[in-house]
Protein backbone atom coordinates (compact mmCIF):
# COMPACT_ATOMS: atom_id res chain seq x y z
CA MET A 1 73.38 97.16 104.59
CA LEU A 2 77.03 97.89 105.34
CA PHE A 3 79.30 95.25 106.76
CA ASN A 4 80.84 97.79 109.03
CA SER A 5 77.70 99.12 110.20
CA PHE A 6 75.52 98.94 113.68
CA GLN A 7 72.76 97.22 111.86
CA TYR A 8 75.27 94.66 110.45
CA LEU A 9 76.33 93.67 113.74
CA ILE A 10 72.97 92.79 115.00
CA PHE A 11 71.94 91.00 111.86
CA LEU A 12 74.53 88.73 111.48
CA PRO A 13 74.09 86.92 114.75
CA ILE A 14 70.42 86.61 114.40
CA VAL A 15 70.76 84.95 111.01
CA PHE A 16 73.26 82.63 112.34
CA ILE A 17 71.20 81.58 115.23
CA PHE A 18 67.88 81.03 113.19
CA TYR A 19 70.04 79.20 110.15
CA TRP A 20 71.34 76.84 112.63
CA LEU A 21 69.08 76.38 115.42
CA ILE A 22 65.83 77.03 114.37
CA PHE A 23 65.74 75.98 110.46
CA LYS A 24 67.27 72.34 110.21
CA SER A 25 65.78 71.23 106.69
CA ILE A 26 68.01 72.51 103.84
CA LYS A 27 64.99 73.80 101.76
CA ILE A 28 64.00 76.11 105.28
CA GLN A 29 67.80 77.09 105.42
CA ASN A 30 67.90 78.35 101.85
CA LEU A 31 64.65 80.04 101.90
CA PHE A 32 66.02 81.74 104.78
CA VAL A 33 68.90 82.81 103.20
CA VAL A 34 66.89 84.35 100.32
CA ILE A 35 64.89 86.14 102.86
CA ALA A 36 68.11 87.47 105.07
CA SER A 37 69.72 88.12 101.68
CA SER A 38 66.74 90.35 100.53
CA ILE A 39 66.58 92.21 103.89
CA PHE A 40 70.42 92.61 103.51
CA TYR A 41 70.32 93.93 100.14
CA GLY A 42 67.11 95.76 100.33
CA TRP A 43 68.46 97.83 103.45
CA TRP A 44 69.90 100.14 100.44
CA ASP A 45 66.94 100.44 98.59
CA TRP A 46 63.97 98.23 98.39
CA ARG A 47 63.61 98.82 94.63
CA PHE A 48 66.87 97.19 94.19
CA LEU A 49 65.25 93.89 94.78
CA ILE A 50 63.03 94.28 91.70
CA LEU A 51 66.16 94.30 89.79
CA ILE A 52 68.02 91.29 91.33
CA TYR A 53 64.80 88.97 90.91
CA ILE A 54 64.31 89.92 87.06
CA THR A 55 67.85 88.64 86.76
CA ILE A 56 67.46 85.61 89.03
CA GLY A 57 63.87 84.51 87.42
CA LEU A 58 65.17 85.26 83.99
CA SER A 59 68.47 83.49 84.43
CA TYR A 60 66.33 80.36 86.07
CA VAL A 61 63.50 80.34 83.34
CA THR A 62 66.36 80.54 80.36
CA SER A 63 68.43 77.90 81.61
CA LEU A 64 65.72 75.36 82.27
CA MET A 65 64.74 76.38 78.71
CA ILE A 66 68.40 75.62 77.64
CA GLY A 67 68.15 71.66 79.02
CA SER A 68 64.69 71.29 77.49
CA TYR A 69 65.45 72.76 74.06
CA PRO A 70 69.35 71.69 73.73
CA LYS A 71 69.12 72.61 70.03
CA TRP A 72 68.17 76.33 70.49
CA GLY A 73 70.45 76.76 73.80
CA GLY A 74 72.78 78.84 71.73
CA VAL A 75 69.75 81.35 71.04
CA ILE A 76 68.23 81.30 74.52
CA ALA A 77 71.66 81.59 76.25
CA GLY A 78 72.28 84.51 73.86
CA VAL A 79 68.67 86.21 74.75
CA ASN A 80 69.67 86.13 78.35
CA VAL A 81 72.78 87.62 78.09
CA ILE A 82 71.50 90.30 76.14
CA ILE A 83 68.72 91.28 78.60
CA ASN A 84 70.76 91.09 81.51
CA LEU A 85 73.44 92.97 80.03
CA SER A 86 71.07 95.65 78.55
CA ILE A 87 69.59 96.08 82.13
CA LEU A 88 73.16 96.63 83.45
CA CYS A 89 74.27 99.18 80.49
CA TYR A 90 71.04 100.99 81.21
CA TYR A 91 71.59 101.49 84.83
CA LYS A 92 75.61 101.89 84.66
CA TYR A 93 76.35 103.25 81.21
CA LEU A 94 73.54 105.20 79.68
CA ASN A 95 74.48 108.53 80.82
CA PHE A 96 78.21 107.96 80.38
CA PHE A 97 77.59 106.83 76.73
CA ALA A 98 75.29 110.06 76.15
CA ASP A 99 77.54 112.73 77.50
CA SER A 100 80.60 111.36 75.63
CA LEU A 101 78.22 111.50 72.25
CA LYS A 102 77.44 115.04 73.28
CA VAL A 103 81.43 115.75 73.56
CA LEU A 104 82.23 114.08 70.57
CA PHE A 105 79.70 115.94 68.36
CA SER A 106 80.46 119.10 69.88
CA GLN A 107 84.08 118.74 68.52
CA PHE A 108 82.46 118.91 65.02
CA GLY A 109 80.12 121.81 65.67
CA TYR A 110 77.03 119.93 66.61
CA GLN A 111 75.08 120.11 69.78
CA LEU A 112 73.13 117.58 70.79
CA ASP A 113 69.94 118.56 72.99
CA TRP A 114 68.95 115.10 74.69
CA PHE A 115 68.71 115.15 78.39
CA THR A 116 70.24 112.52 80.90
CA LEU A 117 68.32 110.32 83.28
CA ASP A 118 68.65 110.57 87.07
CA VAL A 119 69.43 107.00 87.28
CA LEU A 120 70.05 105.48 90.65
CA LEU A 121 72.81 102.76 90.33
CA PRO A 122 71.89 99.56 92.01
CA VAL A 123 74.53 98.46 94.62
CA GLY A 124 76.59 95.53 93.33
CA ILE A 125 74.65 95.11 89.86
CA SER A 126 77.96 94.21 88.26
CA PHE A 127 78.79 91.26 90.65
CA TYR A 128 75.42 89.55 90.64
CA THR A 129 74.80 90.04 86.78
CA PHE A 130 78.20 88.33 86.08
CA GLN A 131 77.39 85.55 88.38
CA ALA A 132 73.99 85.14 86.89
CA LEU A 133 75.14 85.23 83.20
CA SER A 134 77.92 82.34 84.24
CA TYR A 135 75.32 80.06 85.21
CA SER A 136 73.17 80.33 81.99
CA ILE A 137 76.61 80.08 79.85
CA ASP A 138 77.39 76.89 81.94
CA VAL A 139 74.37 75.31 81.24
CA ARG A 140 74.76 76.13 77.55
CA ARG A 141 78.10 74.47 77.50
CA GLY A 142 77.18 71.41 79.65
CA SER A 143 79.51 72.22 82.68
CA ILE A 144 76.26 71.85 84.99
CA GLU A 145 72.55 70.61 84.81
CA PRO A 146 70.15 73.40 85.12
CA THR A 147 68.42 73.28 88.87
CA LYS A 148 64.66 72.89 89.03
CA ASP A 149 65.10 74.13 92.71
CA PHE A 150 64.51 77.95 92.20
CA ILE A 151 64.80 78.69 95.90
CA ALA A 152 68.41 77.29 96.00
CA PHE A 153 69.11 79.02 92.63
CA ALA A 154 67.92 82.32 94.32
CA ALA A 155 70.11 81.59 97.15
CA TYR A 156 72.95 80.97 95.25
CA ILE A 157 72.53 84.44 93.29
CA SER A 158 71.69 86.62 96.24
CA PHE A 159 73.88 85.22 98.99
CA PHE A 160 74.27 88.08 101.13
CA PRO A 161 78.11 87.78 102.11
CA GLN A 162 79.27 87.88 98.60
CA LEU A 163 76.14 89.72 97.03
CA VAL A 164 77.55 93.40 96.64
CA ALA A 165 81.25 92.86 95.81
CA GLY A 166 82.05 89.38 95.62
CA PRO A 167 83.69 87.03 95.23
CA ILE A 168 81.55 86.41 91.62
CA GLU A 169 81.29 82.65 92.06
CA ARG A 170 80.83 79.91 89.47
CA SER A 171 77.53 78.14 89.43
CA THR A 172 79.65 74.53 89.18
CA GLN A 173 81.34 75.71 92.50
CA LEU A 174 78.94 77.23 94.57
CA LEU A 175 75.40 76.25 93.63
CA PRO A 176 75.83 72.49 94.61
CA GLN A 177 76.72 73.75 98.14
CA PHE A 178 72.91 75.00 98.18
CA LEU A 179 71.57 71.59 97.04
CA GLN A 180 73.25 69.64 99.75
CA ARG A 181 72.85 69.46 103.61
CA ARG A 182 75.04 71.30 105.59
CA VAL A 183 76.33 70.60 108.89
CA PHE A 184 77.70 72.96 111.19
CA ASP A 185 81.62 72.85 112.00
CA TYR A 186 82.98 74.36 114.88
CA THR A 187 86.46 74.74 113.54
CA THR A 188 85.17 76.06 110.31
CA ALA A 189 83.06 78.61 112.06
CA VAL A 190 85.87 79.78 114.12
CA ASP A 191 88.17 80.09 111.05
CA GLY A 192 85.61 82.09 109.72
CA MET A 193 85.64 84.48 112.67
CA ARG A 194 89.28 84.92 112.41
CA GLN A 195 88.89 85.97 108.83
CA ILE A 196 86.32 88.23 109.46
CA LEU A 197 88.46 89.84 112.01
CA TRP A 198 91.60 90.39 109.84
CA GLY A 199 88.92 91.81 107.06
CA PHE A 200 87.97 94.42 109.91
CA PHE A 201 91.28 95.34 110.35
CA LYS A 202 91.99 95.77 106.76
CA LYS A 203 88.95 97.72 106.09
CA LEU A 204 88.96 99.73 109.42
CA ILE A 205 92.58 100.59 110.24
CA ILE A 206 94.06 100.30 106.94
CA ALA A 207 91.44 101.25 104.36
CA ASP A 208 89.42 103.92 106.18
CA ASN A 209 92.44 105.76 107.44
CA CYS A 210 94.08 105.77 104.25
CA ALA A 211 90.90 107.09 102.66
CA TYR A 212 91.24 110.25 104.60
CA LEU A 213 95.05 111.03 103.81
CA ALA A 214 94.40 110.11 100.22
CA ASN A 215 91.31 112.39 99.79
CA GLN A 216 92.69 115.22 101.13
CA ILE A 217 96.07 114.88 98.97
CA PHE A 218 94.02 113.84 95.74
CA ASP A 219 91.68 116.64 96.17
CA GLY A 220 94.17 119.36 96.73
CA TYR A 221 96.98 117.88 94.38
CA GLU A 222 97.63 121.24 92.49
CA SER A 223 99.09 122.63 95.78
CA CYS A 224 101.12 119.61 96.48
CA ASN A 225 104.72 118.69 95.73
CA GLY A 226 105.68 115.52 94.07
CA SER A 227 106.50 113.90 97.36
CA LEU A 228 103.27 114.50 98.95
CA LEU A 229 101.56 113.36 95.73
CA ALA A 230 103.52 110.05 95.84
CA LEU A 231 102.32 109.50 99.50
CA GLY A 232 98.63 110.36 98.40
CA ALA A 233 98.89 107.82 95.59
CA LEU A 234 100.41 105.24 98.06
CA PHE A 235 97.69 105.73 100.37
CA PHE A 236 95.12 105.04 97.84
CA THR A 237 96.82 102.22 96.97
CA PHE A 238 96.48 100.52 100.32
CA GLN A 239 93.06 102.12 100.72
CA ILE A 240 91.78 100.13 97.73
CA TYR A 241 93.40 97.05 98.73
CA GLY A 242 92.41 97.10 102.41
CA ASP A 243 88.77 98.18 101.15
CA PHE A 244 88.25 95.41 98.61
CA SER A 245 90.36 92.52 99.72
CA GLY A 246 88.70 93.28 103.74
CA TYR A 247 85.52 93.07 102.12
CA SER A 248 86.53 89.70 100.63
CA ASP A 249 87.94 88.30 103.69
CA ILE A 250 84.70 89.59 105.65
CA ALA A 251 82.36 87.65 102.98
CA ILE A 252 84.50 84.40 102.96
CA GLY A 253 84.38 84.30 106.77
CA THR A 254 80.74 85.06 106.97
CA ALA A 255 80.01 82.30 104.46
CA LYS A 256 81.96 79.74 106.42
CA LEU A 257 79.55 80.45 109.76
CA PHE A 258 77.01 79.26 107.45
CA GLY A 259 78.89 76.04 105.96
CA ILE A 260 79.62 77.68 102.62
CA ARG A 261 83.05 78.03 100.97
CA LEU A 262 83.45 80.96 98.82
CA MET A 263 86.70 81.17 96.46
CA ARG A 264 89.69 82.99 97.44
CA ASN A 265 89.60 86.70 95.76
CA PHE A 266 92.96 88.15 96.62
CA ASN A 267 96.56 86.38 96.81
CA LEU A 268 99.06 88.90 98.23
CA PRO A 269 98.73 91.06 95.03
CA TYR A 270 101.19 93.86 96.15
CA PHE A 271 104.08 90.97 96.02
CA SER A 272 103.67 90.08 92.99
CA ARG A 273 106.98 89.99 90.57
CA ASP A 274 105.45 91.08 87.32
CA ILE A 275 102.10 92.52 86.07
CA ALA A 276 100.43 89.25 84.85
CA GLU A 277 101.03 87.76 88.21
CA PHE A 278 99.48 90.90 89.97
CA TRP A 279 96.32 90.30 87.93
CA ARG A 280 96.54 86.42 89.12
CA ARG A 281 96.76 87.60 92.26
CA TRP A 282 94.03 90.74 92.30
CA HIS A 283 90.31 90.37 92.07
CA ILE A 284 90.88 86.80 91.11
CA SER A 285 87.19 86.02 90.58
CA LEU A 286 86.64 88.59 87.80
CA ASN A 287 89.69 87.95 86.17
CA LYS A 288 89.07 84.23 85.83
CA TRP A 289 85.39 85.23 84.75
CA PHE A 290 86.84 87.42 81.94
CA ILE A 291 89.67 84.54 80.72
CA ASP A 292 86.92 82.10 80.82
CA TYR A 293 83.80 83.80 79.00
CA VAL A 294 85.77 86.48 77.18
CA TYR A 295 89.35 85.68 76.47
CA ILE A 296 88.97 82.18 75.35
CA PRO A 297 85.99 82.31 73.40
CA ILE A 298 87.67 85.15 71.31
CA GLY A 299 90.70 82.75 70.64
CA GLY A 300 92.94 83.35 73.95
CA SER A 301 96.50 82.61 73.01
CA ARG A 302 95.85 80.17 70.64
CA CYS A 303 96.43 82.36 67.63
CA GLY A 304 98.97 84.71 66.21
CA LYS A 305 100.71 87.26 68.41
CA LEU A 306 98.74 90.27 66.68
CA ILE A 307 95.36 88.71 67.48
CA ASN A 308 96.58 87.61 70.96
CA MET A 309 97.59 91.17 71.54
CA ARG A 310 94.03 92.31 70.50
CA ASN A 311 92.26 89.86 72.87
CA ILE A 312 94.35 91.11 76.03
CA LEU A 313 93.40 94.48 74.99
CA ILE A 314 89.63 93.34 74.55
CA VAL A 315 89.72 91.95 77.72
CA PHE A 316 91.38 94.86 79.80
CA LEU A 317 89.19 97.11 78.11
CA LEU A 318 85.78 95.28 79.12
CA SER A 319 87.40 95.30 82.82
CA GLY A 320 87.81 98.60 82.83
CA LEU A 321 84.38 99.68 81.62
CA TRP A 322 82.98 96.95 84.09
CA HIS A 323 84.70 99.11 87.20
CA GLY A 324 82.84 102.08 86.12
CA ALA A 325 81.32 104.68 83.80
CA ASN A 326 84.17 107.18 83.18
CA TRP A 327 87.33 107.23 80.77
CA THR A 328 89.64 107.04 83.66
CA PHE A 329 88.53 103.34 83.94
CA VAL A 330 88.77 102.97 80.37
CA VAL A 331 92.10 104.31 80.08
CA TRP A 332 93.19 102.35 83.18
CA GLY A 333 92.20 99.10 81.41
CA ILE A 334 94.18 99.79 78.63
CA TYR A 335 97.12 100.76 80.38
CA ASN A 336 97.22 97.69 82.27
CA GLY A 337 96.49 95.55 78.71
CA VAL A 338 99.65 97.43 77.31
CA LEU A 339 101.67 96.56 80.38
CA ILE A 340 100.67 92.92 80.09
CA ILE A 341 101.65 92.97 76.17
CA ALA A 342 104.88 94.85 76.88
CA TYR A 343 105.91 92.18 79.46
CA LEU A 344 104.77 89.63 77.28
CA GLN A 345 106.72 90.58 73.99
CA LEU A 346 109.84 91.21 76.51
CA GLY A 347 109.65 87.74 77.88
CA LEU A 348 109.02 88.67 81.36
CA ASN A 349 105.52 87.34 82.00
CA LYS A 350 106.54 84.13 83.60
CA LYS A 351 105.05 80.89 85.12
CA ARG A 352 105.52 81.80 88.77
CA PRO A 353 105.25 79.46 91.81
CA GLU A 354 101.96 80.16 93.92
CA ILE A 355 103.99 80.89 97.05
CA ILE A 356 106.74 83.77 96.90
CA SER A 357 109.90 82.79 98.27
CA PRO A 358 108.50 79.67 99.57
CA ASN A 359 111.49 78.32 101.34
CA ASN A 360 113.07 81.89 102.73
CA TYR A 361 111.81 84.49 104.94
CA ILE A 362 113.72 87.06 103.08
CA PRO A 363 113.20 87.24 99.46
CA SER A 364 116.20 87.55 96.98
CA ILE A 365 117.64 90.96 95.62
CA LYS A 366 116.05 89.91 92.36
CA GLU A 367 112.83 89.63 93.72
CA ILE A 368 112.73 92.72 95.53
CA MET A 369 113.86 94.72 92.46
CA GLU A 370 111.04 93.01 90.55
CA MET A 371 108.33 93.48 93.26
CA PHE A 372 109.62 96.84 93.56
CA VAL A 373 108.94 97.52 89.74
CA THR A 374 105.66 95.96 89.44
CA PHE A 375 104.44 97.82 92.76
CA SER A 376 105.57 101.06 91.17
CA LEU A 377 103.55 100.19 87.84
CA VAL A 378 100.52 99.40 89.56
CA VAL A 379 100.66 102.59 91.73
CA ILE A 380 100.53 104.63 88.46
CA GLY A 381 97.65 102.79 87.43
CA TRP A 382 95.69 103.24 90.58
CA ILE A 383 96.17 106.92 90.22
CA ILE A 384 94.51 106.87 87.06
CA PHE A 385 91.79 104.81 88.53
CA ARG A 386 91.22 107.10 91.60
CA ALA A 387 91.42 110.65 89.65
CA GLU A 388 87.98 112.04 88.73
CA SER A 389 89.05 112.81 85.19
CA LEU A 390 91.53 112.44 82.94
CA GLN A 391 93.04 115.82 83.10
CA HIS A 392 92.87 115.23 86.70
CA ALA A 393 95.25 112.09 86.21
CA VAL A 394 97.22 113.82 83.99
CA GLY A 395 97.64 116.87 86.29
CA TYR A 396 98.62 114.48 89.25
CA LEU A 397 101.00 112.19 87.21
CA LYS A 398 103.08 115.68 85.82
CA GLY A 399 102.86 116.93 89.47
CA MET A 400 104.28 113.78 90.82
CA ILE A 401 107.19 113.02 88.38
CA ASP A 402 108.96 116.30 88.95
CA LYS A 403 112.22 117.20 90.98
CA SER A 404 109.83 117.88 94.07
CA LEU A 405 109.45 114.07 94.38
CA VAL A 406 112.76 113.74 96.21
CA GLN A 407 111.92 116.88 98.35
CA ARG A 408 110.35 116.82 101.92
CA PRO A 409 106.41 116.85 101.54
CA ASN A 410 104.79 120.00 101.99
CA PHE A 411 101.72 119.50 104.26
CA HIS A 412 100.75 123.34 104.39
CA ASN A 413 97.84 123.25 101.87
CA VAL A 414 96.33 119.90 103.41
CA GLU A 415 94.48 118.98 106.51
CA ILE A 416 96.69 116.17 107.39
CA GLY A 417 97.43 115.66 111.33
CA GLY A 418 101.13 114.09 111.85
CA THR A 419 99.95 111.48 114.24
CA GLN A 420 97.36 110.20 111.97
CA LEU A 421 99.84 109.97 109.14
CA VAL A 422 102.42 108.27 111.14
CA TYR A 423 100.17 105.56 112.80
CA THR A 424 98.76 105.01 109.19
CA LEU A 425 102.05 104.19 107.81
CA ILE A 426 103.00 102.02 110.58
CA PHE A 427 99.95 100.14 110.31
CA ILE A 428 100.52 99.70 106.40
CA CYS A 429 103.68 98.05 107.44
CA VAL A 430 102.31 95.81 109.59
CA LEU A 431 100.07 94.97 107.04
CA GLN A 432 102.79 93.94 104.61
CA VAL A 433 104.97 92.23 107.30
CA VAL A 434 101.56 90.09 108.48
CA GLU A 435 100.78 88.84 105.37
CA TRP A 436 104.44 88.09 104.07
CA VAL A 437 104.79 86.04 107.22
CA PHE A 438 101.46 84.09 106.75
CA ARG A 439 101.80 84.18 102.94
CA LYS A 440 101.43 80.16 102.88
CA ARG A 441 98.20 80.49 104.97
CA GLY A 442 94.67 81.62 103.33
CA PHE A 443 94.82 85.05 105.22
CA GLY A 444 96.79 86.90 107.72
CA PHE A 445 96.84 86.16 111.39
CA ASP A 446 95.52 82.53 110.29
CA LEU A 447 96.58 81.35 113.53
CA SER A 448 94.59 77.89 113.11
CA GLN A 449 97.97 76.16 113.67
CA CYS A 450 99.17 78.05 116.83
CA PRO A 451 99.27 75.78 119.64
CA SER A 452 99.47 78.43 122.02
CA ARG A 453 95.57 79.82 123.08
CA VAL A 454 96.95 82.50 125.39
CA LEU A 455 98.73 83.82 122.11
CA ARG A 456 96.15 83.15 119.96
CA TRP A 457 93.59 85.46 122.20
CA ALA A 458 95.93 87.98 122.95
CA VAL A 459 96.18 88.75 119.19
CA TYR A 460 92.52 88.66 118.76
CA LEU A 461 92.21 90.88 121.58
CA SER A 462 94.85 93.37 120.45
CA ILE A 463 93.10 93.76 117.07
CA ILE A 464 89.68 94.67 118.67
CA VAL A 465 91.45 97.21 120.53
CA LEU A 466 93.13 98.53 117.82
CA LEU A 467 89.77 98.60 116.12
CA THR A 468 88.18 100.49 118.83
CA VAL A 469 91.21 103.23 118.98
CA PHE A 470 92.44 103.30 115.70
CA SER A 471 89.46 103.08 113.16
CA GLY A 472 88.85 105.57 110.83
CA GLU A 473 85.87 107.61 109.65
CA GLN A 474 83.51 105.18 108.24
CA GLU A 475 83.53 104.92 104.58
CA LYS A 476 81.67 102.74 102.25
CA PHE A 477 83.34 99.97 100.30
CA ILE A 478 84.76 101.23 96.90
CA TYR A 479 83.58 98.39 95.15
CA PHE A 480 79.85 98.73 96.02
CA GLN A 481 79.72 101.53 93.51
CA PHE A 482 80.68 99.14 90.54
């Protein structure tokens, strides 16, 4: 079930009413969350539910076994990790590796005749698999006691707001919330509604309009000049941000309606002043997952420079693969890893304050230059990420980095209306201005401290009108495929 669907607009208020007005007991509330989440997830395909409950049951049982047999905890946790990753690899990577081996052997004159399978990729399998794995690993480490409450644990894994695209929550932060009584808080619920509204603005106004323009340019890139290709890259850059951060805002805001706090997943990434800072602000939950469960266990930065470089490349290679079964994602991951290493060697990876220009509304010239360089490097990465193949990515980059980059865009061979182009660019500017002004808050248009009720409602109604008039064609969330 999509957040931006008519079905969800009916589903959410029904679940909210039953959750608070009908079911008072915490156990019944948790059971209702599991049932509602099953309906939400099974809306795509009921067969997806089989896999997620295999993951839930396996992680629950093995974690209890770790608690009962601590001497064998490492082996038991390892078995759970292997089985869950095997399921993930089968559905997500089997055909990718099979096709890659075919191509490799064909270079040496050997033709492999095996066939590939038509495997249906379950929505969000990478997200809930990583969340389940973190629980069993945390139990093995002693960070959390294994719970005997299966319903609470199932609610923790399957909680519908963040089930299919995160944030990837830690058991130490989210699971305890399903083990304690929750009380409705009006202020928190209103704050959640504001964040949901802002998420819809980013998804429907920014991402969906940018998607149409980016698709036109990326699909017809061979007939576009450099400046138009740069515009296409810009549109995809804001498409993926509006799409994914918009989803996160809707998920976090929805969770607030049910008295649940989810972690922040985006923190103004396009205002970053270096690549390391960008990765501390983009998809925060996944990056922290890789740091805690991959980077630190293999040595982190506690070793020599060469080993540290290796560790960085491993993490970004895995991060690229996590995003999808395509060599473009692998190269995109390596590209970001190399940038991190380059910045590290040049001493440009700095410990930055959480808030950008905390005491000034206008950043310094140095900060503007740093943000521009970082943003440009990120855009190049997104071209590789968006491309259908490595050949597509190379062709797009070659066409963009050309003398025609400074010429007027040629719109002759792409179906792009001037009106949509103009208002999409205006909305991108509005997005950036709003997020800069509200950078000290949890999300854009966080008007919780605005004393004027009239002004607050004027803003809310304005966004609703914009959603009605300027929403782009409905697009699936990009990260659902991961």
